Amino acid sequence: MFTGIIETTGIVSNIITTGTNKTFWITSSISSELTIDQSISHNGVCLTVEEVKNGQHRVTSIEETLKKTNLSTWETGMMVNLERCLTMSARLDGHIVQGHVDTVATCLGVTEKDGSWEYTFQFDRNFSALIIEKGSISVNGISLTVFNVSPDTFSVAIIPYTYHHTNLQFVAVNDSVNIEFDMIGKYVNRFMQLK
């Protein structure tokens, strides 16, 4: 379980493809503090730490995860948002994020707003019931509030701190981002479907 408050960023230092899996070595300021079997959010995707050495950690993404996220497009040198899991004594500054990405969205536009940035994304309209105006969403693992919601688009406003301390600063038009919709909304939607 995560909060969507990014702890730090890392750099993809190596990628190894084995069959349908991809293994990633990530270099970061927290890598040496991690332990094997620990769950870490990488751009909003919960991945298990398999090895730690020399200020790096290793994680593997299987075919199912690669299909539903943008991890298949990762390249060496890319910046990745990282967050360790929530502790029971921590404040929930963002919202409840599972690290289970629902889909990817495509960036339609980035507008600088004299001190902030506005991003607009398009997503598969099959998920439209899971997003509401002023609701929470996770974009590349970042807890954000949505506005200008339509059946297949939404916008988010980014403050300078978030822009400079996450990889959103590198997201451009036509780039894909990982999206996790609010868990509470998903439960409500499921309940309504079963009634």
N, C-alpha and C. Protein backbone atom coordinates (compact mmCIF):
# COMPACT_ATOMS: atom_id res chain seq x y z
N MET A 1 0.84 -1.19 0.00
CA MET A 1 0.00 0.00 0.00
C MET A 1 0.88 1.24 0.00
N PHE A 2 0.52 2.23 -0.81
CA PHE A 2 1.31 3.45 -0.95
C PHE A 2 0.42 4.67 -0.79
N THR A 3 1.02 5.85 -0.81
CA THR A 3 0.26 7.08 -0.64
C THR A 3 0.26 7.96 -1.88
N GLY A 4 1.15 7.67 -2.83
CA GLY A 4 1.27 8.50 -4.02
C GLY A 4 2.13 9.74 -3.78
N ILE A 5 2.80 9.80 -2.63
CA ILE A 5 3.75 10.88 -2.36
C ILE A 5 5.14 10.33 -2.69
N ILE A 6 5.72 10.79 -3.78
CA ILE A 6 6.98 10.23 -4.27
C ILE A 6 8.11 10.55 -3.29
N GLU A 7 8.84 9.51 -2.93
CA GLU A 7 9.94 9.65 -1.97
C GLU A 7 11.21 10.16 -2.62
N THR A 8 11.51 9.61 -3.77
CA THR A 8 12.70 10.01 -4.51
C THR A 8 12.57 9.48 -5.94
N THR A 9 13.55 9.78 -6.76
CA THR A 9 13.57 9.21 -8.11
C THR A 9 14.81 8.35 -8.25
N GLY A 10 14.76 7.47 -9.23
CA GLY A 10 15.91 6.62 -9.55
C GLY A 10 16.14 6.66 -11.04
N ILE A 11 17.26 6.08 -11.44
CA ILE A 11 17.62 6.00 -12.86
C ILE A 11 17.71 4.54 -13.27
N VAL A 12 17.09 4.19 -14.39
CA VAL A 12 17.20 2.82 -14.92
C VAL A 12 18.62 2.65 -15.44
N SER A 13 19.40 1.79 -14.79
CA SER A 13 20.81 1.63 -15.17
C SER A 13 21.06 0.44 -16.08
N ASN A 14 20.15 -0.54 -16.06
CA ASN A 14 20.33 -1.70 -16.93
C ASN A 14 18.98 -2.40 -17.10
N ILE A 15 18.77 -2.98 -18.28
CA ILE A 15 17.54 -3.73 -18.58
C ILE A 15 17.95 -5.06 -19.18
N ILE A 16 17.40 -6.14 -18.62
CA ILE A 16 17.70 -7.49 -19.12
C ILE A 16 16.39 -8.16 -19.48
N THR A 17 16.27 -8.63 -20.71
CA THR A 17 15.07 -9.34 -21.15
C THR A 17 15.33 -10.84 -21.10
N THR A 18 14.45 -11.55 -20.40
CA THR A 18 14.53 -13.00 -20.30
C THR A 18 13.17 -13.58 -20.62
N GLY A 19 13.03 -14.20 -21.78
CA GLY A 19 11.72 -14.69 -22.20
C GLY A 19 10.77 -13.51 -22.35
N THR A 20 9.63 -13.57 -21.65
CA THR A 20 8.66 -12.47 -21.71
C THR A 20 8.82 -11.50 -20.55
N ASN A 21 9.81 -11.71 -19.71
CA ASN A 21 10.05 -10.83 -18.55
C ASN A 21 11.11 -9.78 -18.85
N LYS A 22 11.03 -8.67 -18.11
CA LYS A 22 12.09 -7.67 -18.17
C LYS A 22 12.57 -7.40 -16.75
N THR A 23 13.89 -7.46 -16.59
CA THR A 23 14.50 -7.16 -15.30
C THR A 23 15.16 -5.79 -15.39
N PHE A 24 14.93 -4.98 -14.36
CA PHE A 24 15.45 -3.61 -14.33
C PHE A 24 16.37 -3.43 -13.12
N TRP A 25 17.53 -2.83 -13.37
CA TRP A 25 18.40 -2.38 -12.30
C TRP A 25 18.17 -0.88 -12.16
N ILE A 26 17.87 -0.45 -10.93
CA ILE A 26 17.57 0.95 -10.64
C ILE A 26 18.61 1.50 -9.68
N THR A 27 19.20 2.64 -10.02
CA THR A 27 20.14 3.33 -9.14
C THR A 27 19.40 4.48 -8.47
N SER A 28 19.43 4.51 -7.12
CA SER A 28 18.73 5.59 -6.42
C SER A 28 19.36 5.82 -5.04
N SER A 29 18.95 6.91 -4.42
CA SER A 29 19.47 7.25 -3.10
C SER A 29 18.95 6.32 -2.01
N ILE A 30 17.87 5.57 -2.28
CA ILE A 30 17.33 4.66 -1.26
C ILE A 30 17.64 3.19 -1.55
N SER A 31 18.24 2.91 -2.71
CA SER A 31 18.46 1.51 -3.10
C SER A 31 19.23 0.72 -2.06
N SER A 32 20.27 1.30 -1.49
CA SER A 32 21.10 0.56 -0.51
C SER A 32 20.35 0.30 0.79
N GLU A 33 19.25 1.03 1.03
CA GLU A 33 18.45 0.83 2.25
C GLU A 33 17.37 -0.23 2.08
N LEU A 34 17.15 -0.68 0.85
CA LEU A 34 16.08 -1.63 0.59
C LEU A 34 16.49 -3.04 0.98
N THR A 35 15.49 -3.89 1.16
CA THR A 35 15.74 -5.29 1.49
C THR A 35 15.06 -6.18 0.47
N ILE A 36 15.59 -7.37 0.30
CA ILE A 36 15.00 -8.33 -0.63
C ILE A 36 13.59 -8.67 -0.17
N ASP A 37 12.66 -8.78 -1.11
CA ASP A 37 11.23 -9.04 -0.91
C ASP A 37 10.44 -7.79 -0.54
N GLN A 38 11.09 -6.63 -0.47
CA GLN A 38 10.37 -5.40 -0.14
C GLN A 38 9.60 -4.92 -1.37
N SER A 39 8.40 -4.39 -1.14
CA SER A 39 7.58 -3.86 -2.23
C SER A 39 7.86 -2.37 -2.40
N ILE A 40 8.19 -1.97 -3.63
CA ILE A 40 8.50 -0.58 -3.95
C ILE A 40 7.67 -0.16 -5.16
N SER A 41 7.10 1.04 -5.09
CA SER A 41 6.37 1.58 -6.23
C SER A 41 7.36 2.22 -7.19
N HIS A 42 7.34 1.74 -8.44
CA HIS A 42 8.16 2.27 -9.53
C HIS A 42 7.22 2.86 -10.57
N ASN A 43 7.13 4.20 -10.64
CA ASN A 43 6.17 4.84 -11.54
C ASN A 43 4.76 4.32 -11.30
N GLY A 44 4.45 4.03 -10.02
CA GLY A 44 3.13 3.57 -9.67
C GLY A 44 2.92 2.07 -9.76
N VAL A 45 3.94 1.33 -10.16
CA VAL A 45 3.84 -0.12 -10.28
C VAL A 45 4.55 -0.76 -9.10
N CYS A 46 3.82 -1.56 -8.34
CA CYS A 46 4.40 -2.25 -7.18
C CYS A 46 5.26 -3.41 -7.69
N LEU A 47 6.57 -3.33 -7.41
CA LEU A 47 7.50 -4.38 -7.83
C LEU A 47 8.30 -4.84 -6.61
N THR A 48 8.70 -6.11 -6.62
CA THR A 48 9.41 -6.71 -5.50
C THR A 48 10.91 -6.61 -5.70
N VAL A 49 11.62 -6.14 -4.69
CA VAL A 49 13.08 -6.05 -4.74
C VAL A 49 13.66 -7.46 -4.70
N GLU A 50 14.49 -7.78 -5.68
CA GLU A 50 15.08 -9.12 -5.78
C GLU A 50 16.55 -9.15 -5.37
N GLU A 51 17.23 -8.02 -5.51
CA GLU A 51 18.65 -7.95 -5.19
C GLU A 51 19.03 -6.49 -4.95
N VAL A 52 19.98 -6.30 -4.03
CA VAL A 52 20.49 -4.96 -3.73
C VAL A 52 22.00 -5.02 -3.73
N LYS A 53 22.65 -4.14 -4.51
CA LYS A 53 24.11 -4.07 -4.47
C LYS A 53 24.60 -2.79 -5.12
N ASN A 54 25.69 -2.26 -4.59
CA ASN A 54 26.36 -1.09 -5.16
C ASN A 54 25.42 0.09 -5.43
N GLY A 55 24.54 0.38 -4.47
CA GLY A 55 23.65 1.51 -4.62
C GLY A 55 22.56 1.31 -5.67
N GLN A 56 22.31 0.05 -6.02
CA GLN A 56 21.28 -0.28 -7.00
C GLN A 56 20.37 -1.37 -6.46
N HIS A 57 19.17 -1.48 -7.01
CA HIS A 57 18.31 -2.61 -6.70
C HIS A 57 17.73 -3.17 -7.98
N ARG A 58 17.38 -4.46 -7.92
CA ARG A 58 16.89 -5.17 -9.10
C ARG A 58 15.44 -5.60 -8.89
N VAL A 59 14.62 -5.37 -9.91
CA VAL A 59 13.22 -5.80 -9.91
C VAL A 59 12.90 -6.41 -11.26
N THR A 60 11.87 -7.27 -11.29
CA THR A 60 11.47 -7.90 -12.54
C THR A 60 9.99 -7.67 -12.79
N SER A 61 9.66 -7.37 -14.03
CA SER A 61 8.28 -7.19 -14.46
C SER A 61 7.91 -8.34 -15.39
N ILE A 62 6.81 -9.00 -15.07
CA ILE A 62 6.37 -10.12 -15.91
C ILE A 62 5.48 -9.61 -17.06
N GLU A 63 5.15 -10.52 -17.97
CA GLU A 63 4.42 -10.15 -19.18
C GLU A 63 3.12 -9.41 -18.88
N GLU A 64 2.34 -9.89 -17.89
CA GLU A 64 1.06 -9.27 -17.56
C GLU A 64 1.24 -7.81 -17.17
N THR A 65 2.25 -7.53 -16.36
CA THR A 65 2.53 -6.15 -15.94
C THR A 65 3.01 -5.31 -17.11
N LEU A 66 3.84 -5.87 -17.96
CA LEU A 66 4.35 -5.14 -19.12
C LEU A 66 3.22 -4.75 -20.07
N LYS A 67 2.18 -5.59 -20.16
CA LYS A 67 1.05 -5.29 -21.04
C LYS A 67 0.19 -4.15 -20.52
N LYS A 68 0.05 -4.04 -19.19
CA LYS A 68 -0.88 -3.08 -18.60
C LYS A 68 -0.23 -1.76 -18.18
N THR A 69 1.08 -1.66 -18.30
CA THR A 69 1.80 -0.48 -17.85
C THR A 69 2.70 0.04 -18.96
N ASN A 70 3.47 1.09 -18.66
CA ASN A 70 4.42 1.59 -19.65
C ASN A 70 5.84 1.07 -19.42
N LEU A 71 5.98 0.05 -18.58
CA LEU A 71 7.32 -0.48 -18.30
C LEU A 71 8.00 -1.07 -19.53
N SER A 72 7.22 -1.52 -20.50
CA SER A 72 7.82 -2.10 -21.70
C SER A 72 8.54 -1.03 -22.52
N THR A 73 8.24 0.25 -22.27
CA THR A 73 8.88 1.33 -23.02
C THR A 73 10.09 1.92 -22.28
N TRP A 74 10.37 1.42 -21.09
CA TRP A 74 11.51 1.96 -20.33
C TRP A 74 12.82 1.74 -21.07
N GLU A 75 13.72 2.71 -20.92
CA GLU A 75 15.05 2.62 -21.51
C GLU A 75 16.08 2.98 -20.44
N THR A 76 17.32 2.55 -20.64
CA THR A 76 18.36 2.92 -19.69
C THR A 76 18.53 4.44 -19.70
N GLY A 77 18.76 4.98 -18.53
CA GLY A 77 18.92 6.42 -18.37
C GLY A 77 17.64 7.14 -17.99
N MET A 78 16.49 6.43 -18.07
CA MET A 78 15.20 7.04 -17.71
C MET A 78 15.12 7.30 -16.22
N MET A 79 14.38 8.37 -15.87
CA MET A 79 14.09 8.65 -14.47
C MET A 79 12.79 7.95 -14.08
N VAL A 80 12.78 7.35 -12.88
CA VAL A 80 11.64 6.59 -12.38
C VAL A 80 11.24 7.14 -11.01
N ASN A 81 9.93 7.34 -10.78
CA ASN A 81 9.44 7.76 -9.47
C ASN A 81 9.43 6.57 -8.52
N LEU A 82 9.94 6.77 -7.31
CA LEU A 82 10.02 5.69 -6.33
C LEU A 82 9.31 6.06 -5.03
N GLU A 83 8.62 5.07 -4.45
CA GLU A 83 8.02 5.25 -3.13
C GLU A 83 8.04 3.92 -2.40
N ARG A 84 8.54 3.94 -1.16
CA ARG A 84 8.45 2.75 -0.32
C ARG A 84 7.03 2.64 0.23
N CYS A 85 6.65 1.44 0.64
CA CYS A 85 5.28 1.22 1.10
C CYS A 85 4.98 2.00 2.39
N LEU A 86 3.69 2.23 2.58
CA LEU A 86 3.18 2.97 3.72
C LEU A 86 3.39 2.18 5.01
N THR A 87 3.80 2.87 6.07
CA THR A 87 3.85 2.25 7.40
C THR A 87 2.59 2.64 8.15
N MET A 88 2.17 1.83 9.11
CA MET A 88 0.91 2.06 9.82
C MET A 88 0.92 3.35 10.64
N SER A 89 2.11 3.86 10.96
CA SER A 89 2.20 5.07 11.77
C SER A 89 2.36 6.33 10.91
N ALA A 90 2.39 6.16 9.59
CA ALA A 90 2.63 7.30 8.71
C ALA A 90 1.35 8.06 8.40
N ARG A 91 1.50 9.34 8.08
CA ARG A 91 0.36 10.14 7.62
C ARG A 91 0.04 9.79 6.18
N LEU A 92 -1.24 9.77 5.86
CA LEU A 92 -1.67 9.48 4.50
C LEU A 92 -1.83 10.82 3.78
N ASP A 93 -0.71 11.38 3.30
CA ASP A 93 -0.72 12.70 2.69
C ASP A 93 -1.34 12.71 1.30
N GLY A 94 -1.30 11.60 0.60
CA GLY A 94 -1.89 11.53 -0.73
C GLY A 94 -3.25 10.86 -0.67
N HIS A 95 -3.35 9.66 -1.26
CA HIS A 95 -4.54 8.84 -1.12
C HIS A 95 -4.08 7.39 -1.17
N ILE A 96 -4.99 6.46 -0.92
CA ILE A 96 -4.61 5.04 -0.88
C ILE A 96 -4.30 4.57 -2.30
N VAL A 97 -3.06 4.16 -2.51
CA VAL A 97 -2.58 3.68 -3.81
C VAL A 97 -2.06 2.26 -3.62
N GLN A 98 -2.54 1.33 -4.42
CA GLN A 98 -2.14 -0.07 -4.28
C GLN A 98 -0.88 -0.42 -5.04
N GLY A 99 -0.56 0.36 -6.07
CA GLY A 99 0.56 -0.03 -6.92
C GLY A 99 0.13 -1.02 -7.98
N HIS A 100 -1.18 -1.15 -8.18
CA HIS A 100 -1.74 -2.05 -9.20
C HIS A 100 -2.30 -1.17 -10.32
N VAL A 101 -1.51 -0.95 -11.32
CA VAL A 101 -1.87 -0.04 -12.41
C VAL A 101 -3.05 -0.60 -13.19
N ASP A 102 -4.04 0.26 -13.46
CA ASP A 102 -5.23 -0.15 -14.20
C ASP A 102 -5.04 -0.07 -15.70
N THR A 103 -4.34 0.97 -16.15
CA THR A 103 -4.19 1.20 -17.59
C THR A 103 -3.11 2.26 -17.79
N VAL A 104 -2.82 2.56 -19.04
CA VAL A 104 -1.94 3.68 -19.35
C VAL A 104 -2.79 4.78 -19.98
N ALA A 105 -2.32 6.01 -19.86
CA ALA A 105 -2.96 7.15 -20.50
C ALA A 105 -1.91 7.85 -21.36
N THR A 106 -2.37 8.57 -22.36
CA THR A 106 -1.48 9.28 -23.26
C THR A 106 -1.57 10.77 -22.99
N CYS A 107 -0.43 11.42 -22.93
CA CYS A 107 -0.39 12.87 -22.70
C CYS A 107 -0.85 13.59 -23.97
N LEU A 108 -1.90 14.41 -23.81
CA LEU A 108 -2.41 15.19 -24.93
C LEU A 108 -1.84 16.60 -24.96
N GLY A 109 -1.44 17.10 -23.80
CA GLY A 109 -0.94 18.46 -23.76
C GLY A 109 -0.32 18.82 -22.44
N VAL A 110 0.67 19.71 -22.49
CA VAL A 110 1.32 20.25 -21.30
C VAL A 110 1.35 21.77 -21.47
N THR A 111 0.80 22.48 -20.48
CA THR A 111 0.74 23.93 -20.54
C THR A 111 1.38 24.52 -19.30
N GLU A 112 2.37 25.39 -19.50
CA GLU A 112 2.96 26.09 -18.35
C GLU A 112 2.03 27.23 -17.97
N LYS A 113 1.76 27.35 -16.66
CA LYS A 113 0.79 28.31 -16.16
C LYS A 113 1.42 29.36 -15.26
N ASP A 114 2.61 29.86 -15.62
CA ASP A 114 3.28 30.90 -14.84
C ASP A 114 3.46 30.47 -13.39
N GLY A 115 4.14 29.36 -13.21
CA GLY A 115 4.43 28.88 -11.86
C GLY A 115 3.87 27.50 -11.57
N SER A 116 3.05 26.99 -12.45
CA SER A 116 2.55 25.63 -12.33
C SER A 116 2.41 25.05 -13.75
N TRP A 117 2.03 23.79 -13.82
CA TRP A 117 1.89 23.13 -15.11
C TRP A 117 0.57 22.38 -15.14
N GLU A 118 -0.08 22.40 -16.29
CA GLU A 118 -1.32 21.65 -16.47
C GLU A 118 -1.09 20.58 -17.53
N TYR A 119 -1.40 19.34 -17.16
CA TYR A 119 -1.27 18.20 -18.06
C TYR A 119 -2.66 17.66 -18.38
N THR A 120 -2.88 17.30 -19.62
CA THR A 120 -4.12 16.66 -20.02
C THR A 120 -3.79 15.28 -20.58
N PHE A 121 -4.54 14.28 -20.13
CA PHE A 121 -4.30 12.89 -20.53
C PHE A 121 -5.57 12.28 -21.10
N GLN A 122 -5.37 11.34 -22.02
CA GLN A 122 -6.47 10.56 -22.59
C GLN A 122 -6.31 9.12 -22.18
N PHE A 123 -7.42 8.49 -21.81
CA PHE A 123 -7.39 7.09 -21.36
C PHE A 123 -8.54 6.32 -22.01
N ASP A 124 -8.52 5.01 -21.86
CA ASP A 124 -9.56 4.14 -22.42
C ASP A 124 -10.89 4.46 -21.73
N ARG A 125 -11.91 4.83 -22.52
CA ARG A 125 -13.19 5.25 -21.93
C ARG A 125 -13.90 4.12 -21.19
N ASN A 126 -13.42 2.87 -21.30
CA ASN A 126 -13.98 1.77 -20.50
C ASN A 126 -13.78 2.01 -19.01
N PHE A 127 -12.86 2.91 -18.66
CA PHE A 127 -12.59 3.21 -17.26
C PHE A 127 -13.28 4.48 -16.78
N SER A 128 -14.14 5.06 -17.61
CA SER A 128 -14.71 6.38 -17.30
C SER A 128 -15.53 6.41 -16.02
N ALA A 129 -16.10 5.28 -15.61
CA ALA A 129 -16.89 5.25 -14.38
C ALA A 129 -16.02 5.34 -13.12
N LEU A 130 -14.72 5.23 -13.28
CA LEU A 130 -13.82 5.21 -12.13
C LEU A 130 -13.17 6.55 -11.83
N ILE A 131 -13.57 7.60 -12.55
CA ILE A 131 -12.93 8.90 -12.36
C ILE A 131 -14.01 9.97 -12.21
N ILE A 132 -13.82 10.85 -11.22
CA ILE A 132 -14.79 11.91 -10.97
C ILE A 132 -14.06 13.24 -10.84
N GLU A 133 -14.79 14.31 -11.12
CA GLU A 133 -14.24 15.66 -10.97
C GLU A 133 -13.77 15.88 -9.53
N LYS A 134 -12.56 16.37 -9.38
CA LYS A 134 -11.90 16.63 -8.08
C LYS A 134 -11.59 15.35 -7.31
N GLY A 135 -11.62 14.22 -8.01
CA GLY A 135 -11.26 12.95 -7.37
C GLY A 135 -9.77 12.72 -7.42
N SER A 136 -9.34 11.64 -6.78
CA SER A 136 -7.92 11.29 -6.73
C SER A 136 -7.56 10.31 -7.83
N ILE A 137 -6.32 10.42 -8.30
CA ILE A 137 -5.80 9.49 -9.30
C ILE A 137 -4.30 9.38 -9.08
N SER A 138 -3.74 8.26 -9.48
CA SER A 138 -2.29 8.07 -9.43
C SER A 138 -1.76 8.08 -10.86
N VAL A 139 -0.85 9.03 -11.14
CA VAL A 139 -0.21 9.15 -12.45
C VAL A 139 1.28 8.89 -12.26
N ASN A 140 1.78 7.81 -12.84
CA ASN A 140 3.18 7.40 -12.62
C ASN A 140 3.49 7.33 -11.12
N GLY A 141 2.48 6.92 -10.34
CA GLY A 141 2.67 6.75 -8.90
C GLY A 141 2.45 8.00 -8.08
N ILE A 142 2.12 9.12 -8.72
CA ILE A 142 1.95 10.39 -8.03
C ILE A 142 0.48 10.61 -7.72
N SER A 143 0.15 10.87 -6.47
CA SER A 143 -1.22 11.16 -6.08
C SER A 143 -1.58 12.56 -6.54
N LEU A 144 -2.62 12.66 -7.40
CA LEU A 144 -3.03 13.95 -7.96
C LEU A 144 -4.55 14.08 -7.93
N THR A 145 -5.02 15.31 -8.03
CA THR A 145 -6.45 15.61 -8.11
C THR A 145 -6.80 15.94 -9.55
N VAL A 146 -7.88 15.32 -10.05
CA VAL A 146 -8.25 15.52 -11.45
C VAL A 146 -9.31 16.61 -11.59
N PHE A 147 -9.31 17.25 -12.77
CA PHE A 147 -10.36 18.21 -13.12
C PHE A 147 -10.56 18.16 -14.63
N ASN A 148 -11.56 18.88 -15.12
CA ASN A 148 -11.93 18.84 -16.54
C ASN A 148 -12.09 17.39 -17.02
N VAL A 149 -12.82 16.61 -16.23
CA VAL A 149 -13.01 15.20 -16.55
C VAL A 149 -14.05 15.04 -17.66
N SER A 150 -13.70 14.24 -18.66
CA SER A 150 -14.64 13.85 -19.72
C SER A 150 -14.66 12.32 -19.75
N PRO A 151 -15.45 11.71 -20.63
CA PRO A 151 -15.47 10.23 -20.65
C PRO A 151 -14.11 9.58 -20.91
N ASP A 152 -13.19 10.30 -21.55
CA ASP A 152 -11.90 9.67 -21.82
C ASP A 152 -10.69 10.61 -21.65
N THR A 153 -10.89 11.75 -21.01
CA THR A 153 -9.77 12.65 -20.73
C THR A 153 -9.90 13.26 -19.34
N PHE A 154 -8.78 13.73 -18.82
CA PHE A 154 -8.77 14.47 -17.57
C PHE A 154 -7.53 15.34 -17.55
N SER A 155 -7.55 16.33 -16.67
CA SER A 155 -6.39 17.20 -16.49
C SER A 155 -5.95 17.17 -15.04
N VAL A 156 -4.69 17.49 -14.81
CA VAL A 156 -4.13 17.63 -13.46
C VAL A 156 -3.25 18.87 -13.44
N ALA A 157 -3.20 19.54 -12.30
CA ALA A 157 -2.34 20.71 -12.12
C ALA A 157 -1.16 20.30 -11.26
N ILE A 158 0.03 20.71 -11.66
CA ILE A 158 1.26 20.29 -11.00
C ILE A 158 1.97 21.49 -10.39
N ILE A 159 2.21 21.42 -9.08
CA ILE A 159 2.94 22.48 -8.40
C ILE A 159 4.43 22.34 -8.68
N PRO A 160 5.22 23.40 -8.49
CA PRO A 160 6.65 23.33 -8.79
C PRO A 160 7.38 22.21 -8.07
N TYR A 161 7.07 21.97 -6.80
CA TYR A 161 7.78 20.92 -6.06
C TYR A 161 7.59 19.57 -6.73
N THR A 162 6.35 19.23 -7.07
CA THR A 162 6.08 17.95 -7.72
C THR A 162 6.74 17.88 -9.09
N TYR A 163 6.68 18.96 -9.83
CA TYR A 163 7.28 19.00 -11.16
C TYR A 163 8.79 18.73 -11.09
N HIS A 164 9.47 19.36 -10.16
CA HIS A 164 10.92 19.25 -10.09
C HIS A 164 11.41 18.00 -9.36
N HIS A 165 10.54 17.32 -8.60
CA HIS A 165 10.96 16.16 -7.81
C HIS A 165 10.38 14.84 -8.31
N THR A 166 9.77 14.85 -9.50
CA THR A 166 9.28 13.62 -10.10
C THR A 166 9.63 13.63 -11.58
N ASN A 167 9.30 12.52 -12.26
CA ASN A 167 9.61 12.46 -13.69
C ASN A 167 8.54 13.09 -14.57
N LEU A 168 7.54 13.74 -13.98
CA LEU A 168 6.56 14.47 -14.80
C LEU A 168 7.22 15.55 -15.65
N GLN A 169 8.33 16.07 -15.16
CA GLN A 169 9.03 17.12 -15.91
C GLN A 169 9.49 16.64 -17.28
N PHE A 170 9.57 15.31 -17.45
CA PHE A 170 10.02 14.75 -18.73
C PHE A 170 8.87 14.19 -19.56
N VAL A 171 7.65 14.24 -19.05
CA VAL A 171 6.50 13.73 -19.80
C VAL A 171 6.08 14.77 -20.84
N ALA A 172 6.03 14.33 -22.08
CA ALA A 172 5.69 15.22 -23.20
C ALA A 172 4.47 14.67 -23.94
N VAL A 173 3.96 15.45 -24.87
CA VAL A 173 2.81 15.03 -25.67
C VAL A 173 3.11 13.69 -26.36
N ASN A 174 2.16 12.79 -26.30
CA ASN A 174 2.20 11.43 -26.86
C ASN A 174 2.92 10.43 -25.96
N ASP A 175 3.52 10.87 -24.87
CA ASP A 175 4.11 9.92 -23.91
C ASP A 175 3.00 9.20 -23.15
N SER A 176 3.28 7.98 -22.73
CA SER A 176 2.30 7.23 -21.93
C SER A 176 2.70 7.27 -20.46
N VAL A 177 1.71 7.27 -19.59
CA VAL A 177 1.92 7.26 -18.14
C VAL A 177 1.06 6.16 -17.55
N ASN A 178 1.49 5.64 -16.39
CA ASN A 178 0.74 4.62 -15.68
C ASN A 178 -0.37 5.26 -14.87
N ILE A 179 -1.56 4.68 -14.94
CA ILE A 179 -2.73 5.22 -14.24
C ILE A 179 -3.30 4.17 -13.30
N GLU A 180 -3.52 4.58 -12.05
CA GLU A 180 -4.29 3.77 -11.11
C GLU A 180 -5.43 4.63 -10.61
N PHE A 181 -6.65 4.17 -10.84
CA PHE A 181 -7.82 4.90 -10.38
C PHE A 181 -8.03 4.67 -8.89
N ASP A 182 -8.79 5.55 -8.26
CA ASP A 182 -9.02 5.49 -6.83
C ASP A 182 -9.67 4.17 -6.43
N MET A 183 -9.09 3.50 -5.44
CA MET A 183 -9.57 2.18 -5.02
C MET A 183 -11.01 2.24 -4.50
N ILE A 184 -11.37 3.28 -3.79
CA ILE A 184 -12.73 3.39 -3.26
C ILE A 184 -13.74 3.46 -4.41
N GLY A 185 -13.40 4.23 -5.43
CA GLY A 185 -14.27 4.32 -6.60
C GLY A 185 -14.45 2.97 -7.28
N LYS A 186 -13.39 2.18 -7.30
CA LYS A 186 -13.47 0.86 -7.93
C LYS A 186 -14.41 -0.06 -7.16
N TYR A 187 -14.35 0.01 -5.82
CA TYR A 187 -15.25 -0.82 -5.01
C TYR A 187 -16.70 -0.38 -5.18
N VAL A 188 -16.94 0.92 -5.18
CA VAL A 188 -18.31 1.43 -5.37
C VAL A 188 -18.84 1.00 -6.74
N ASN A 189 -18.01 1.14 -7.78
CA ASN A 189 -18.42 0.75 -9.12
C ASN A 189 -18.77 -0.74 -9.18
N ARG A 190 -17.96 -1.57 -8.56
CA ARG A 190 -18.21 -3.02 -8.53
C ARG A 190 -19.51 -3.34 -7.79
N PHE A 191 -19.72 -2.66 -6.67
CA PHE A 191 -20.94 -2.87 -5.88
C PHE A 191 -22.17 -2.52 -6.72
N MET A 192 -22.13 -1.42 -7.45
CA MET A 192 -23.25 -1.00 -8.26
C MET A 192 -23.50 -1.97 -9.42
N GLN A 193 -22.44 -2.53 -9.96
CA GLN A 193 -22.59 -3.49 -11.05
C GLN A 193 -23.28 -4.77 -10.58
N LEU A 194 -23.04 -5.14 -9.33
CA LEU A 194 -23.59 -6.39 -8.80
C LEU A 194 -25.02 -6.23 -8.28
N LYS A 195 -25.50 -5.00 -8.16
CA LYS A 195 -26.87 -4.78 -7.64
C LYS A 195 -27.91 -5.12 -8.69
